[in-house]
């Protein structure tokens, strides 16, 4: 492995995610990342359960995961692979979510769903990264967006 060629990993479990992202319960919205191809693409997994705090008010009797949290889960997946591939000799201080573009919500996400967060790199310039994402449940797109992040090094 060379300095310019980051390792391709098969997956990142929750323990490794906790070292890559600053988020913690109840705001860590990715349970695992699978099928990582360097910083080019990855698929994150979010297992949606009825005991998550947002379901008490969104909506009582008919729980629906807020769309902004689906997009946040997409951004966390992209942010984790950005951090994973920029660590080198120093660990990034933080990843800032910068933009959301072309966002569309297609279908509600409800408890019991497993959301697969498909993120594909569009471009990278210095410490900025752009990803196109699709959130899918059972292969059906429930949300899509283009997101960008800025990696701040220590």
N, C-alpha and C. Protein backbone atom coordinates (compact mmCIF):
# COMPACT_ATOMS: atom_id res chain seq x y z
N UNK A 1 0.86 -1.19 0.00
CA UNK A 1 0.00 0.00 0.00
C UNK A 1 0.90 1.24 0.00
N UNK A 2 0.59 2.20 -0.86
CA UNK A 2 1.37 3.43 -0.92
C UNK A 2 0.64 4.54 -0.18
N UNK A 3 1.34 5.63 0.05
CA UNK A 3 0.76 6.79 0.74
C UNK A 3 -0.43 7.35 -0.02
N UNK A 4 -0.42 7.27 -1.36
CA UNK A 4 -1.50 7.85 -2.16
C UNK A 4 -2.62 6.87 -2.45
N UNK A 5 -2.46 5.60 -2.08
CA UNK A 5 -3.49 4.61 -2.33
C UNK A 5 -4.03 4.08 -1.02
N UNK A 6 -5.17 4.61 -0.54
CA UNK A 6 -5.71 4.13 0.71
C UNK A 6 -6.22 2.70 0.57
N UNK A 7 -6.24 1.99 1.68
CA UNK A 7 -6.71 0.61 1.66
C UNK A 7 -8.21 0.55 1.42
N UNK A 8 -8.63 -0.48 0.71
CA UNK A 8 -10.04 -0.74 0.55
C UNK A 8 -10.45 -1.69 1.65
N UNK A 9 -11.47 -1.34 2.40
CA UNK A 9 -11.97 -2.19 3.47
C UNK A 9 -13.29 -2.79 3.05
N UNK A 10 -13.59 -3.95 3.58
CA UNK A 10 -14.87 -4.56 3.25
C UNK A 10 -16.01 -3.94 4.03
N UNK A 11 -15.74 -3.60 5.30
CA UNK A 11 -16.80 -2.99 6.10
C UNK A 11 -16.20 -2.24 7.29
N UNK A 12 -17.04 -1.39 7.88
CA UNK A 12 -16.68 -0.67 9.09
C UNK A 12 -17.81 -0.94 10.08
N UNK A 13 -17.47 -1.54 11.21
CA UNK A 13 -18.50 -1.83 12.20
C UNK A 13 -18.72 -0.62 13.11
N UNK A 14 -19.64 -0.78 14.05
CA UNK A 14 -20.01 0.34 14.91
C UNK A 14 -18.83 0.82 15.75
N UNK A 15 -17.98 -0.08 16.20
CA UNK A 15 -16.81 0.32 16.98
C UNK A 15 -15.89 1.24 16.20
N UNK A 16 -15.62 0.90 14.96
CA UNK A 16 -14.76 1.74 14.11
C UNK A 16 -15.48 3.05 13.77
N UNK A 17 -16.80 3.00 13.53
CA UNK A 17 -17.55 4.24 13.25
C UNK A 17 -17.41 5.23 14.39
N UNK A 18 -17.40 4.74 15.61
CA UNK A 18 -17.27 5.63 16.76
C UNK A 18 -15.91 6.31 16.81
N UNK A 19 -14.90 5.74 16.17
CA UNK A 19 -13.60 6.40 16.10
C UNK A 19 -13.52 7.37 14.92
N UNK A 20 -14.36 7.17 13.91
CA UNK A 20 -14.33 8.02 12.71
C UNK A 20 -15.21 9.25 12.82
N UNK A 21 -16.35 9.11 13.50
CA UNK A 21 -17.34 10.19 13.58
C UNK A 21 -17.48 10.68 15.02
N UNK A 22 -17.75 11.97 15.21
CA UNK A 22 -17.94 12.48 16.57
C UNK A 22 -19.35 12.22 17.11
N UNK A 23 -20.27 11.78 16.27
CA UNK A 23 -21.66 11.58 16.66
C UNK A 23 -21.82 10.44 17.66
N UNK A 24 -22.78 10.61 18.55
CA UNK A 24 -23.13 9.59 19.53
C UNK A 24 -24.64 9.52 19.64
N UNK A 25 -25.14 8.47 20.31
CA UNK A 25 -26.58 8.33 20.51
C UNK A 25 -27.13 9.61 21.14
N UNK A 26 -28.23 10.12 20.68
CA UNK A 26 -29.13 9.55 19.68
C UNK A 26 -28.87 10.04 18.25
N UNK A 27 -27.71 10.67 18.01
CA UNK A 27 -27.51 11.28 16.70
C UNK A 27 -26.58 10.51 15.77
N UNK A 28 -26.01 9.39 16.21
CA UNK A 28 -25.27 8.54 15.29
C UNK A 28 -26.30 7.74 14.52
N UNK A 29 -26.37 7.96 13.22
CA UNK A 29 -27.45 7.40 12.41
C UNK A 29 -26.99 6.35 11.41
N UNK A 30 -25.78 5.81 11.61
CA UNK A 30 -25.27 4.74 10.75
C UNK A 30 -24.82 3.61 11.68
N UNK A 31 -25.25 2.39 11.38
CA UNK A 31 -24.90 1.24 12.20
C UNK A 31 -23.69 0.48 11.67
N UNK A 32 -23.46 0.55 10.37
CA UNK A 32 -22.36 -0.17 9.74
C UNK A 32 -22.16 0.41 8.35
N UNK A 33 -20.94 0.30 7.84
CA UNK A 33 -20.67 0.66 6.45
C UNK A 33 -20.10 -0.57 5.76
N UNK A 34 -20.66 -0.90 4.61
CA UNK A 34 -20.24 -2.08 3.85
C UNK A 34 -19.82 -1.67 2.44
N UNK A 35 -19.19 -2.59 1.76
CA UNK A 35 -18.83 -2.40 0.35
C UNK A 35 -18.10 -1.08 0.10
N UNK A 36 -17.06 -0.83 0.85
CA UNK A 36 -16.29 0.40 0.69
C UNK A 36 -15.31 0.25 -0.47
N UNK A 37 -15.30 1.22 -1.36
CA UNK A 37 -14.34 1.28 -2.46
C UNK A 37 -13.53 2.57 -2.28
N UNK A 38 -12.45 2.49 -1.48
CA UNK A 38 -11.63 3.65 -1.14
C UNK A 38 -12.54 4.80 -0.73
N UNK A 39 -12.36 5.98 -1.35
CA UNK A 39 -13.25 7.10 -1.07
C UNK A 39 -14.25 7.29 -2.21
N UNK A 40 -14.30 6.33 -3.14
CA UNK A 40 -15.18 6.45 -4.31
C UNK A 40 -16.64 6.15 -4.00
N UNK A 41 -16.88 5.15 -3.16
CA UNK A 41 -18.26 4.79 -2.85
C UNK A 41 -18.32 3.90 -1.62
N UNK A 42 -19.49 3.83 -1.05
CA UNK A 42 -19.73 2.95 0.09
C UNK A 42 -21.23 2.83 0.30
N UNK A 43 -21.61 1.81 1.04
CA UNK A 43 -23.01 1.64 1.41
C UNK A 43 -23.06 1.58 2.94
N UNK A 44 -23.80 2.52 3.52
CA UNK A 44 -24.02 2.53 4.96
C UNK A 44 -25.35 1.86 5.27
N UNK A 45 -25.47 1.34 6.47
CA UNK A 45 -26.71 0.69 6.89
C UNK A 45 -27.24 1.37 8.14
N UNK A 46 -28.53 1.69 8.11
CA UNK A 46 -29.24 2.24 9.27
C UNK A 46 -30.43 1.33 9.55
N UNK A 47 -30.39 0.66 10.70
CA UNK A 47 -31.52 -0.16 11.12
C UNK A 47 -32.47 0.71 11.92
N UNK A 48 -33.67 0.87 11.43
CA UNK A 48 -34.64 1.78 12.04
C UNK A 48 -35.48 1.01 13.06
N UNK A 49 -35.46 1.50 14.31
CA UNK A 49 -36.23 0.84 15.37
C UNK A 49 -37.23 1.82 15.99
N UNK A 50 -38.32 1.27 16.50
CA UNK A 50 -39.40 2.10 17.02
C UNK A 50 -39.01 2.84 18.30
N UNK A 51 -37.96 2.39 19.00
CA UNK A 51 -37.59 3.05 20.26
C UNK A 51 -36.67 4.25 20.06
N UNK A 52 -36.46 4.70 18.83
CA UNK A 52 -35.65 5.90 18.60
C UNK A 52 -36.45 7.13 19.05
N UNK A 53 -35.76 8.10 19.67
CA UNK A 53 -36.47 9.21 20.32
C UNK A 53 -37.34 10.06 19.40
N UNK A 54 -36.98 10.20 18.13
CA UNK A 54 -37.78 11.06 17.24
C UNK A 54 -39.17 10.50 16.97
N UNK A 55 -39.37 9.19 17.17
CA UNK A 55 -40.68 8.60 16.88
C UNK A 55 -41.74 8.97 17.91
N UNK A 56 -41.35 9.46 19.08
CA UNK A 56 -42.36 9.86 20.06
C UNK A 56 -43.16 11.07 19.59
N UNK A 57 -42.58 11.88 18.73
CA UNK A 57 -43.30 13.06 18.25
C UNK A 57 -43.47 13.11 16.75
N UNK A 58 -42.97 12.12 16.01
CA UNK A 58 -43.00 12.16 14.54
C UNK A 58 -43.37 10.80 13.98
N UNK A 59 -44.51 10.41 13.94
CA UNK A 59 -45.76 10.98 14.43
C UNK A 59 -46.39 9.96 15.37
N UNK A 60 -46.95 10.39 16.51
CA UNK A 60 -47.57 9.44 17.44
C UNK A 60 -48.63 8.59 16.75
N UNK A 61 -48.53 7.28 16.91
CA UNK A 61 -49.50 6.38 16.29
C UNK A 61 -49.18 6.02 14.85
N UNK A 62 -48.33 6.78 14.20
CA UNK A 62 -47.93 6.49 12.82
C UNK A 62 -46.48 6.96 12.63
N UNK A 63 -45.52 6.23 13.24
CA UNK A 63 -44.13 6.69 13.24
C UNK A 63 -43.50 6.73 11.85
N UNK A 64 -42.89 7.88 11.53
CA UNK A 64 -42.17 8.08 10.28
C UNK A 64 -40.83 8.73 10.62
N UNK A 65 -39.75 8.16 10.10
CA UNK A 65 -38.43 8.75 10.34
C UNK A 65 -38.36 10.09 9.61
N UNK A 66 -37.98 11.16 10.29
CA UNK A 66 -37.87 12.46 9.63
C UNK A 66 -36.90 12.40 8.45
N UNK A 67 -37.31 12.98 7.34
CA UNK A 67 -36.48 12.97 6.14
C UNK A 67 -35.11 13.58 6.36
N UNK A 68 -35.03 14.63 7.17
CA UNK A 68 -33.74 15.26 7.42
C UNK A 68 -32.78 14.29 8.11
N UNK A 69 -33.30 13.34 8.88
CA UNK A 69 -32.44 12.35 9.52
C UNK A 69 -31.96 11.30 8.52
N UNK A 70 -32.76 11.01 7.52
CA UNK A 70 -32.32 10.11 6.45
C UNK A 70 -31.16 10.76 5.70
N UNK A 71 -31.29 12.05 5.40
CA UNK A 71 -30.21 12.77 4.71
C UNK A 71 -28.98 12.87 5.61
N UNK A 72 -29.17 13.10 6.90
CA UNK A 72 -28.05 13.12 7.84
C UNK A 72 -27.33 11.78 7.86
N UNK A 73 -28.07 10.68 7.81
CA UNK A 73 -27.45 9.36 7.78
C UNK A 73 -26.61 9.19 6.51
N UNK A 74 -27.11 9.72 5.39
CA UNK A 74 -26.34 9.69 4.15
C UNK A 74 -25.05 10.50 4.32
N UNK A 75 -25.15 11.67 4.91
CA UNK A 75 -23.98 12.54 5.11
C UNK A 75 -22.98 11.89 6.07
N UNK A 76 -23.47 11.22 7.11
CA UNK A 76 -22.57 10.54 8.04
C UNK A 76 -21.82 9.41 7.35
N UNK A 77 -22.48 8.69 6.46
CA UNK A 77 -21.81 7.63 5.69
C UNK A 77 -20.70 8.23 4.84
N UNK A 78 -21.01 9.30 4.12
CA UNK A 78 -19.99 9.97 3.30
C UNK A 78 -18.87 10.52 4.17
N UNK A 79 -19.22 11.14 5.28
CA UNK A 79 -18.22 11.71 6.18
C UNK A 79 -17.27 10.65 6.73
N UNK A 80 -17.80 9.50 7.08
CA UNK A 80 -16.96 8.43 7.62
C UNK A 80 -15.95 7.94 6.60
N UNK A 81 -16.36 7.80 5.34
CA UNK A 81 -15.39 7.32 4.35
C UNK A 81 -14.40 8.43 3.97
N UNK A 82 -14.82 9.69 4.07
CA UNK A 82 -13.86 10.80 3.89
C UNK A 82 -12.78 10.72 4.96
N UNK A 83 -13.18 10.59 6.22
CA UNK A 83 -12.23 10.52 7.32
C UNK A 83 -11.33 9.30 7.18
N UNK A 84 -11.93 8.17 6.87
CA UNK A 84 -11.18 6.93 6.72
C UNK A 84 -10.07 7.07 5.68
N UNK A 85 -10.34 7.81 4.62
CA UNK A 85 -9.39 7.92 3.52
C UNK A 85 -8.51 9.15 3.58
N UNK A 86 -8.64 9.97 4.62
CA UNK A 86 -7.76 11.13 4.75
C UNK A 86 -6.91 11.06 6.01
N UNK A 87 -6.99 9.96 6.74
CA UNK A 87 -6.29 9.88 8.02
C UNK A 87 -4.78 9.94 7.85
N UNK A 88 -4.19 9.17 6.97
CA UNK A 88 -2.74 9.22 6.76
C UNK A 88 -1.98 9.26 8.06
N UNK A 89 -1.13 10.27 8.22
CA UNK A 89 -0.31 10.38 9.43
C UNK A 89 -1.01 11.14 10.56
N UNK A 90 -2.05 11.90 10.24
CA UNK A 90 -2.76 12.63 11.29
C UNK A 90 -4.26 12.40 11.16
N UNK A 91 -4.90 12.36 12.29
CA UNK A 91 -6.34 12.13 12.31
C UNK A 91 -7.07 13.44 12.08
N UNK A 92 -8.09 13.43 11.20
CA UNK A 92 -8.89 14.65 11.00
C UNK A 92 -9.53 15.09 12.32
N UNK A 93 -9.57 16.39 12.50
CA UNK A 93 -10.17 16.95 13.70
C UNK A 93 -11.68 16.77 13.66
N UNK A 94 -12.27 17.12 12.53
CA UNK A 94 -13.73 17.03 12.42
C UNK A 94 -14.12 17.08 10.94
N UNK A 95 -15.31 16.58 10.65
CA UNK A 95 -15.88 16.68 9.30
C UNK A 95 -17.12 17.54 9.42
N UNK A 96 -17.18 18.62 8.64
CA UNK A 96 -18.34 19.50 8.65
C UNK A 96 -19.22 19.21 7.44
N UNK A 97 -20.51 19.04 7.70
CA UNK A 97 -21.53 18.88 6.67
C UNK A 97 -21.72 20.27 6.06
N UNK A 98 -21.48 20.43 4.76
CA UNK A 98 -21.49 21.76 4.15
C UNK A 98 -22.75 22.07 3.34
N UNK A 99 -23.16 21.16 2.45
CA UNK A 99 -24.31 21.48 1.59
C UNK A 99 -25.18 20.26 1.37
N UNK A 100 -26.45 20.54 1.05
CA UNK A 100 -27.41 19.54 0.58
C UNK A 100 -28.00 20.12 -0.70
N UNK A 101 -27.91 19.38 -1.78
CA UNK A 101 -28.50 19.82 -3.05
C UNK A 101 -29.32 18.70 -3.65
N UNK A 102 -30.25 19.09 -4.52
CA UNK A 102 -31.06 18.14 -5.28
C UNK A 102 -31.68 17.06 -4.39
N UNK A 103 -32.19 17.48 -3.24
CA UNK A 103 -32.77 16.57 -2.28
C UNK A 103 -34.21 16.22 -2.65
N UNK A 104 -34.52 14.94 -2.60
CA UNK A 104 -35.87 14.46 -2.89
C UNK A 104 -36.23 13.36 -1.91
N UNK A 105 -37.44 13.43 -1.38
CA UNK A 105 -37.96 12.36 -0.52
C UNK A 105 -39.00 11.62 -1.34
N UNK A 106 -38.85 10.31 -1.44
CA UNK A 106 -39.71 9.51 -2.32
C UNK A 106 -40.74 8.67 -1.57
N UNK A 107 -40.36 8.21 -0.38
CA UNK A 107 -41.22 7.27 0.34
C UNK A 107 -40.89 7.35 1.83
N UNK A 108 -41.88 7.17 2.71
CA UNK A 108 -41.59 7.22 4.15
C UNK A 108 -40.73 6.05 4.61
N UNK A 109 -39.92 6.31 5.64
CA UNK A 109 -39.13 5.28 6.30
C UNK A 109 -39.78 5.06 7.66
N UNK A 110 -40.05 3.81 7.99
CA UNK A 110 -40.77 3.48 9.22
C UNK A 110 -40.00 2.44 10.04
N UNK A 111 -40.35 2.31 11.33
CA UNK A 111 -39.68 1.31 12.16
C UNK A 111 -39.73 -0.08 11.53
N UNK A 112 -38.61 -0.78 11.64
CA UNK A 112 -38.50 -2.11 11.03
C UNK A 112 -37.78 -2.08 9.70
N UNK A 113 -37.66 -0.89 9.10
CA UNK A 113 -36.95 -0.77 7.83
C UNK A 113 -35.45 -0.83 8.06
N UNK A 114 -34.74 -1.36 7.07
CA UNK A 114 -33.29 -1.24 7.03
C UNK A 114 -32.98 -0.33 5.85
N UNK A 115 -32.41 0.83 6.14
CA UNK A 115 -32.08 1.80 5.09
C UNK A 115 -30.64 1.55 4.66
N UNK A 116 -30.46 1.40 3.35
CA UNK A 116 -29.11 1.28 2.78
C UNK A 116 -28.77 2.60 2.13
N UNK A 117 -27.66 3.16 2.56
CA UNK A 117 -27.25 4.51 2.18
C UNK A 117 -26.13 4.41 1.15
N UNK A 118 -26.48 4.51 -0.12
CA UNK A 118 -25.54 4.35 -1.22
C UNK A 118 -24.91 5.71 -1.55
N UNK A 119 -23.63 5.85 -1.27
CA UNK A 119 -22.93 7.12 -1.47
C UNK A 119 -21.82 6.94 -2.50
N UNK A 120 -21.81 7.82 -3.50
CA UNK A 120 -20.80 7.76 -4.57
C UNK A 120 -20.14 9.12 -4.72
N UNK A 121 -18.81 9.12 -4.69
CA UNK A 121 -18.07 10.39 -4.79
C UNK A 121 -18.26 11.01 -6.17
N UNK A 122 -18.55 12.30 -6.17
CA UNK A 122 -18.62 13.09 -7.40
C UNK A 122 -17.27 13.72 -7.66
N UNK A 123 -16.71 14.37 -6.61
CA UNK A 123 -15.39 14.98 -6.73
C UNK A 123 -14.81 15.27 -5.36
N UNK A 124 -13.52 15.56 -5.37
CA UNK A 124 -12.79 15.93 -4.17
C UNK A 124 -11.80 17.02 -4.56
N UNK A 125 -11.84 18.10 -3.84
CA UNK A 125 -10.88 19.19 -4.08
C UNK A 125 -10.34 19.63 -2.73
N UNK A 126 -9.03 19.44 -2.54
CA UNK A 126 -8.36 19.72 -1.27
C UNK A 126 -9.09 19.04 -0.12
N UNK A 127 -9.68 19.82 0.79
CA UNK A 127 -10.35 19.22 1.93
C UNK A 127 -11.88 19.19 1.78
N UNK A 128 -12.37 19.37 0.56
CA UNK A 128 -13.82 19.34 0.27
C UNK A 128 -14.16 18.07 -0.52
N UNK A 129 -15.29 17.47 -0.18
CA UNK A 129 -15.74 16.23 -0.82
C UNK A 129 -17.21 16.38 -1.18
N UNK A 130 -17.59 15.91 -2.36
CA UNK A 130 -18.98 15.92 -2.82
C UNK A 130 -19.40 14.49 -3.13
N UNK A 131 -20.59 14.11 -2.63
CA UNK A 131 -21.13 12.76 -2.84
C UNK A 131 -22.58 12.82 -3.30
N UNK A 132 -22.92 11.94 -4.21
CA UNK A 132 -24.31 11.73 -4.62
C UNK A 132 -24.81 10.53 -3.84
N UNK A 133 -25.98 10.66 -3.25
CA UNK A 133 -26.47 9.57 -2.43
C UNK A 133 -27.90 9.17 -2.73
N UNK A 134 -28.16 7.90 -2.49
CA UNK A 134 -29.51 7.35 -2.56
C UNK A 134 -29.73 6.51 -1.31
N UNK A 135 -30.82 6.74 -0.63
CA UNK A 135 -31.22 5.90 0.49
C UNK A 135 -32.29 4.95 -0.02
N UNK A 136 -32.10 3.66 0.24
CA UNK A 136 -33.01 2.64 -0.28
C UNK A 136 -33.50 1.73 0.84
N UNK A 137 -34.75 1.33 0.74
CA UNK A 137 -35.34 0.32 1.60
C UNK A 137 -35.85 -0.78 0.68
N UNK A 138 -35.36 -1.99 0.89
CA UNK A 138 -35.73 -3.13 0.04
C UNK A 138 -35.52 -2.82 -1.44
N UNK A 139 -34.44 -2.10 -1.75
CA UNK A 139 -34.10 -1.79 -3.14
C UNK A 139 -34.86 -0.63 -3.75
N UNK A 140 -35.77 -0.03 -3.01
CA UNK A 140 -36.59 1.09 -3.50
C UNK A 140 -36.02 2.39 -2.94
N UNK A 141 -35.80 3.39 -3.80
CA UNK A 141 -35.27 4.68 -3.35
C UNK A 141 -36.30 5.39 -2.49
N UNK A 142 -35.89 5.76 -1.27
CA UNK A 142 -36.77 6.51 -0.36
C UNK A 142 -36.35 7.97 -0.26
N UNK A 143 -35.06 8.26 -0.56
CA UNK A 143 -34.55 9.63 -0.55
C UNK A 143 -33.29 9.69 -1.38
N UNK A 144 -33.00 10.87 -1.91
CA UNK A 144 -31.76 11.08 -2.66
C UNK A 144 -31.31 12.51 -2.48
N UNK A 145 -30.00 12.71 -2.58
CA UNK A 145 -29.45 14.06 -2.43
C UNK A 145 -27.98 14.04 -2.81
N UNK A 146 -27.48 15.24 -3.08
CA UNK A 146 -26.04 15.45 -3.23
C UNK A 146 -25.60 16.22 -1.99
N UNK A 147 -24.56 15.73 -1.34
CA UNK A 147 -24.08 16.37 -0.11
C UNK A 147 -22.59 16.68 -0.25
N UNK A 148 -22.15 17.67 0.51
CA UNK A 148 -20.70 17.96 0.53
C UNK A 148 -20.25 18.09 1.97
N UNK A 149 -18.95 17.83 2.16
CA UNK A 149 -18.37 17.89 3.49
C UNK A 149 -16.98 18.50 3.39
N UNK A 150 -16.54 19.09 4.51
CA UNK A 150 -15.19 19.64 4.60
C UNK A 150 -14.50 18.92 5.74
N UNK A 151 -13.31 18.37 5.44
CA UNK A 151 -12.51 17.68 6.45
C UNK A 151 -11.49 18.66 7.00
N UNK A 152 -11.48 18.85 8.32
CA UNK A 152 -10.55 19.76 8.97
C UNK A 152 -9.50 18.91 9.69
N UNK A 153 -8.25 19.09 9.32
CA UNK A 153 -7.17 18.29 9.91
C UNK A 153 -6.66 18.97 11.18
N UNK A 154 -6.06 18.17 12.06
CA UNK A 154 -5.50 18.68 13.30
C UNK A 154 -4.25 19.48 13.03
